[in-house]
Amino acid sequence: MGKAVFHKFLEKLSDGTYPWKSTTTFKALLVKSTSTYSPNPDHATIKDLFDNGLTEITASGYARATLSDVTTYRNTTTDLIEFRCANLNFGEPAIGETVKGYVLYIHVDGTQNNDIPVAYDDTSTGLPMSTGGGTFVVSVPADGLFQLQAGT
């Protein structure tokens, strides 16, 4: 499937409603290996993702991650804006589930009808990976979770 960035996020980013910085609460959820969801950039809420086949892991000890150290970096060599944060910590999910990917989203009020998807990724290093009962961390690449490219 790959990576996808959602239009609603880009709209809210560009109008200043939800900037990519610590004043906005960003979260991430883990996508179960049996999920049939295919990313569609037009999906505007987390509910849209679930209604279209997204399945979240349910292992005991699992917790959605809250992003920290949220920053952007302008890479003048590659002409990319890099969306960065600290590694994503999802608690200590019990053994037995396979994680296919993750979804980043804006935590508006904690309801699927209002929370806004930011990005979908199932290509990061180490994915898919199994839960093992210990701390489950997705390492964020040095160039960020995702990038936007300036064009001419």
C-alpha atoms as a PDB file:
ATOM      1  CA  MET A   1       0.000   0.000   0.000  1.00  0.00           C
ATOM      2  CA  GLY A   2       2.718   2.477   0.934  1.00  0.00           C
ATOM      3  CA  LYS A   3       2.408   5.912   2.397  1.00  0.00           C
ATOM      4  CA  ALA A   4      -0.445   8.378   2.034  1.00  0.00           C
ATOM      5  CA  VAL A   5      -1.118  11.876   3.325  1.00  0.00           C
ATOM      6  CA  PHE A   6      -4.764  12.889   3.687  1.00  0.00           C
ATOM      7  CA  HIS A   7      -6.269  15.992   2.052  1.00  0.00           C
ATOM      8  CA  LYS A   8      -8.221  17.125   5.135  1.00  0.00           C
ATOM      9  CA  PHE A   9      -4.970  17.289   7.121  1.00  0.00           C
ATOM     10  CA  LEU A  10      -3.290  19.367   4.392  1.00  0.00           C
ATOM     11  CA  GLU A  11      -6.314  21.695   4.360  1.00  0.00           C
ATOM     12  CA  LYS A  12      -6.209  22.166   8.149  1.00  0.00           C
ATOM     13  CA  LEU A  13      -2.410  22.541   8.086  1.00  0.00           C
ATOM     14  CA  SER A  14      -2.532  25.220   5.397  1.00  0.00           C
ATOM     15  CA  ASP A  15      -5.324  27.246   7.000  1.00  0.00           C
ATOM     16  CA  GLY A  16      -3.523  27.180  10.360  1.00  0.00           C
ATOM     17  CA  THR A  17      -6.268  25.322  12.240  1.00  0.00           C
ATOM     18  CA  TYR A  18      -3.957  22.451  13.198  1.00  0.00           C
ATOM     19  CA  PRO A  19      -0.263  23.286  12.735  1.00  0.00           C
ATOM     20  CA  TRP A  20       2.412  20.554  12.936  1.00  0.00           C
ATOM     21  CA  LYS A  21       3.728  21.595  16.341  1.00  0.00           C
ATOM     22  CA  SER A  22       3.196  20.911  19.995  1.00  0.00           C
ATOM     23  CA  THR A  23       0.034  23.028  20.225  1.00  0.00           C
ATOM     24  CA  THR A  24      -1.808  20.325  18.238  1.00  0.00           C
ATOM     25  CA  THR A  25      -2.362  16.856  19.703  1.00  0.00           C
ATOM     26  CA  PHE A  26      -1.248  14.252  17.188  1.00  0.00           C
ATOM     27  CA  LYS A  27      -1.723  10.554  17.863  1.00  0.00           C
ATOM     28  CA  ALA A  28      -1.012   7.279  16.101  1.00  0.00           C
ATOM     29  CA  LEU A  29      -2.797   3.943  16.021  1.00  0.00           C
ATOM     30  CA  LEU A  30      -1.532   0.551  14.896  1.00  0.00           C
ATOM     31  CA  VAL A  31      -3.107  -1.221  11.937  1.00  0.00           C
ATOM     32  CA  LYS A  32      -3.687  -4.971  12.277  1.00  0.00           C
ATOM     33  CA  SER A  33      -2.265  -7.298   9.601  1.00  0.00           C
ATOM     34  CA  THR A  34      -5.768  -8.471   8.634  1.00  0.00           C
ATOM     35  CA  SER A  35      -6.915  -4.930   7.831  1.00  0.00           C
ATOM     36  CA  THR A  36      -8.335  -4.551   4.318  1.00  0.00           C
ATOM     37  CA  TYR A  37      -8.083  -0.751   4.274  1.00  0.00           C
ATOM     38  CA  SER A  38      -6.597   0.829   1.173  1.00  0.00           C
ATOM     39  CA  PRO A  39      -5.539   4.456   1.782  1.00  0.00           C
ATOM     40  CA  ASN A  40      -7.726   7.062   0.116  1.00  0.00           C
ATOM     41  CA  PRO A  41      -6.488  10.660   0.500  1.00  0.00           C
ATOM     42  CA  ASP A  42     -10.095  11.900   0.400  1.00  0.00           C
ATOM     43  CA  HIS A  43     -11.009  10.196   3.697  1.00  0.00           C
ATOM     44  CA  ALA A  44     -11.623  13.066   6.117  1.00  0.00           C
ATOM     45  CA  THR A  45     -12.168  11.367   9.487  1.00  0.00           C
ATOM     46  CA  ILE A  46     -10.862   8.312  11.327  1.00  0.00           C
ATOM     47  CA  LYS A  47     -14.407   6.925  10.994  1.00  0.00           C
ATOM     48  CA  ASP A  48     -13.964   6.946   7.197  1.00  0.00           C
ATOM     49  CA  LEU A  49     -10.915   4.682   7.591  1.00  0.00           C
ATOM     50  CA  PHE A  50     -12.711   2.218   9.877  1.00  0.00           C
ATOM     51  CA  ASP A  51     -15.802   2.257   7.631  1.00  0.00           C
ATOM     52  CA  ASN A  52     -13.551   1.275   4.716  1.00  0.00           C
ATOM     53  CA  GLY A  53     -11.867  -1.751   6.268  1.00  0.00           C
ATOM     54  CA  LEU A  54      -9.241  -0.417   8.686  1.00  0.00           C
ATOM     55  CA  THR A  55      -8.725  -2.753  11.629  1.00  0.00           C
ATOM     56  CA  GLU A  56      -6.806  -1.609  14.700  1.00  0.00           C
ATOM     57  CA  ILE A  57      -4.914  -4.067  16.891  1.00  0.00           C
ATOM     58  CA  THR A  58      -6.671  -4.973  20.134  1.00  0.00           C
ATOM     59  CA  ALA A  59      -3.963  -6.676  22.218  1.00  0.00           C
ATOM     60  CA  SER A  60      -4.096  -6.005  25.949  1.00  0.00           C
ATOM     61  CA  GLY A  61      -1.446  -3.483  26.987  1.00  0.00           C
ATOM     62  CA  TYR A  62      -1.734  -1.602  23.675  1.00  0.00           C
ATOM     63  CA  ALA A  63      -2.218   2.162  23.782  1.00  0.00           C
ATOM     64  CA  ARG A  64      -2.421   4.666  20.977  1.00  0.00           C
ATOM     65  CA  ALA A  65       0.735   6.785  20.849  1.00  0.00           C
ATOM     66  CA  THR A  66       0.738  10.529  21.477  1.00  0.00           C
ATOM     67  CA  LEU A  67       3.363  12.224  19.318  1.00  0.00           C
ATOM     68  CA  SER A  68       5.991  14.297  21.107  1.00  0.00           C
ATOM     69  CA  ASP A  69       8.782  16.624  19.965  1.00  0.00           C
ATOM     70  CA  VAL A  70       6.695  17.522  16.903  1.00  0.00           C
ATOM     71  CA  THR A  71       8.674  19.757  14.514  1.00  0.00           C
ATOM     72  CA  THR A  72       9.172  20.519  10.850  1.00  0.00           C
ATOM     73  CA  TYR A  73      12.525  20.825   9.124  1.00  0.00           C
ATOM     74  CA  ARG A  74      13.210  22.454   5.775  1.00  0.00           C
ATOM     75  CA  ASN A  75      15.762  20.369   3.902  1.00  0.00           C
ATOM     76  CA  THR A  76      17.254  22.747   1.333  1.00  0.00           C
ATOM     77  CA  THR A  77      19.274  19.968  -0.312  1.00  0.00           C
ATOM     78  CA  THR A  78      16.241  17.834  -1.195  1.00  0.00           C
ATOM     79  CA  ASP A  79      13.639  20.641  -1.245  1.00  0.00           C
ATOM     80  CA  LEU A  80      11.555  18.701   1.255  1.00  0.00           C
ATOM     81  CA  ILE A  81       9.674  19.776   4.343  1.00  0.00           C
ATOM     82  CA  GLU A  82      10.192  16.953   6.830  1.00  0.00           C
ATOM     83  CA  PHE A  83       7.534  16.278   9.466  1.00  0.00           C
ATOM     84  CA  ARG A  84       9.427  14.984  12.475  1.00  0.00           C
ATOM     85  CA  CYS A  85       8.698  13.719  15.977  1.00  0.00           C
ATOM     86  CA  ALA A  86      10.107  11.382  18.601  1.00  0.00           C
ATOM     87  CA  ASN A  87       9.769   7.606  18.193  1.00  0.00           C
ATOM     88  CA  LEU A  88       6.207   6.319  18.600  1.00  0.00           C
ATOM     89  CA  ASN A  89       5.562   4.305  21.782  1.00  0.00           C
ATOM     90  CA  PHE A  90       2.437   2.107  21.792  1.00  0.00           C
ATOM     91  CA  GLY A  91       2.713   0.643  25.275  1.00  0.00           C
ATOM     92  CA  GLU A  92       3.310  -3.057  25.842  1.00  0.00           C
ATOM     93  CA  PRO A  93       0.835  -4.967  23.666  1.00  0.00           C
ATOM     94  CA  ALA A  94       0.527  -8.659  24.482  1.00  0.00           C
ATOM     95  CA  ILE A  95       2.019 -11.329  22.251  1.00  0.00           C
ATOM     96  CA  GLY A  96      -0.063 -12.480  19.327  1.00  0.00           C
ATOM     97  CA  GLU A  97      -0.838  -9.686  16.871  1.00  0.00           C
ATOM     98  CA  THR A  98       0.943  -8.599  13.718  1.00  0.00           C
ATOM     99  CA  VAL A  99       1.132  -4.895  12.949  1.00  0.00           C
ATOM    100  CA  LYS A 100       0.808  -4.006   9.273  1.00  0.00           C
ATOM    101  CA  GLY A 101       1.287  -0.249   9.625  1.00  0.00           C
ATOM    102  CA  TYR A 102       0.138   2.843  11.472  1.00  0.00           C
ATOM    103  CA  VAL A 103      -2.121   5.847  11.030  1.00  0.00           C
ATOM    104  CA  LEU A 104      -1.238   9.312  12.294  1.00  0.00           C
ATOM    105  CA  TYR A 105      -4.164  11.534  13.145  1.00  0.00           C
ATOM    106  CA  ILE A 106      -5.174  14.820  14.760  1.00  0.00           C
ATOM    107  CA  HIS A 107      -6.870  14.208  18.079  1.00  0.00           C
ATOM    108  CA  VAL A 108      -9.712  16.722  17.804  1.00  0.00           C
ATOM    109  CA  ASP A 109     -11.954  15.345  20.539  1.00  0.00           C
ATOM    110  CA  GLY A 110     -11.237  11.615  20.652  1.00  0.00           C
ATOM    111  CA  THR A 111     -14.207  10.572  18.511  1.00  0.00           C
ATOM    112  CA  GLN A 112     -13.908   8.782  15.194  1.00  0.00           C
ATOM    113  CA  ASN A 113     -16.383  11.233  13.662  1.00  0.00           C
ATOM    114  CA  ASN A 114     -14.142  14.250  14.323  1.00  0.00           C
ATOM    115  CA  ASP A 115     -10.520  13.052  14.557  1.00  0.00           C
ATOM    116  CA  ILE A 116      -8.697  13.837  11.297  1.00  0.00           C
ATOM    117  CA  PRO A 117      -6.333  11.377   9.582  1.00  0.00           C
ATOM    118  CA  VAL A 118      -2.888  12.790   8.790  1.00  0.00           C
ATOM    119  CA  ALA A 119      -0.958   9.946   7.176  1.00  0.00           C
ATOM    120  CA  TYR A 120      -0.973   6.189   6.622  1.00  0.00           C
ATOM    121  CA  ASP A 121       2.248   4.154   6.473  1.00  0.00           C
ATOM    122  CA  ASP A 122       2.904   0.459   6.042  1.00  0.00           C
ATOM    123  CA  THR A 123       6.380   0.756   4.510  1.00  0.00           C
ATOM    124  CA  SER A 124       8.514   1.890   7.467  1.00  0.00           C
ATOM    125  CA  THR A 125      11.532  -0.199   8.358  1.00  0.00           C
ATOM    126  CA  GLY A 126      10.524  -3.233  10.402  1.00  0.00           C
ATOM    127  CA  LEU A 127       6.919  -3.396   9.196  1.00  0.00           C
ATOM    128  CA  PRO A 128       5.130  -5.698   9.401  1.00  0.00           C
ATOM    129  CA  MET A 129       6.134  -6.678  12.948  1.00  0.00           C
ATOM    130  CA  SER A 130       4.673  -8.806  15.688  1.00  0.00           C
ATOM    131  CA  THR A 131       3.721  -7.725  19.164  1.00  0.00           C
ATOM    132  CA  GLY A 132       5.853  -9.437  21.762  1.00  0.00           C
ATOM    133  CA  GLY A 133       4.591  -8.386  25.162  1.00  0.00           C
ATOM    134  CA  GLY A 134       7.291  -5.753  25.656  1.00  0.00           C
ATOM    135  CA  THR A 135       7.446  -2.076  24.766  1.00  0.00           C
ATOM    136  CA  PHE A 136       6.338  -1.606  21.161  1.00  0.00           C
ATOM    137  CA  VAL A 137       8.120   1.308  19.484  1.00  0.00           C
ATOM    138  CA  VAL A 138       8.048   2.450  15.870  1.00  0.00           C
ATOM    139  CA  SER A 139      11.307   4.249  15.102  1.00  0.00           C
ATOM    140  CA  VAL A 140      10.887   7.524  13.248  1.00  0.00           C
ATOM    141  CA  PRO A 141      13.346   7.925  10.346  1.00  0.00           C
ATOM    142  CA  ALA A 142      15.833  10.804  10.490  1.00  0.00           C
ATOM    143  CA  ASP A 143      13.953  12.518   7.644  1.00  0.00           C
ATOM    144  CA  GLY A 144      10.654  12.369   9.536  1.00  0.00           C
ATOM    145  CA  LEU A 145       7.418  10.441   9.355  1.00  0.00           C
ATOM    146  CA  PHE A 146       6.586  11.925   5.978  1.00  0.00           C
ATOM    147  CA  GLN A 147       7.710  14.765   3.724  1.00  0.00           C
ATOM    148  CA  LEU A 148       6.183  17.310   1.396  1.00  0.00           C
ATOM    149  CA  GLN A 149       8.136  18.421  -1.641  1.00  0.00           C
ATOM    150  CA  ALA A 150       8.365  21.923  -3.033  1.00  0.00           C
ATOM    151  CA  GLY A 151       7.931  22.049  -6.776  1.00  0.00           C
ATOM    152  CA  THR A 152       8.323  24.363  -9.691  1.00  0.00           C
END
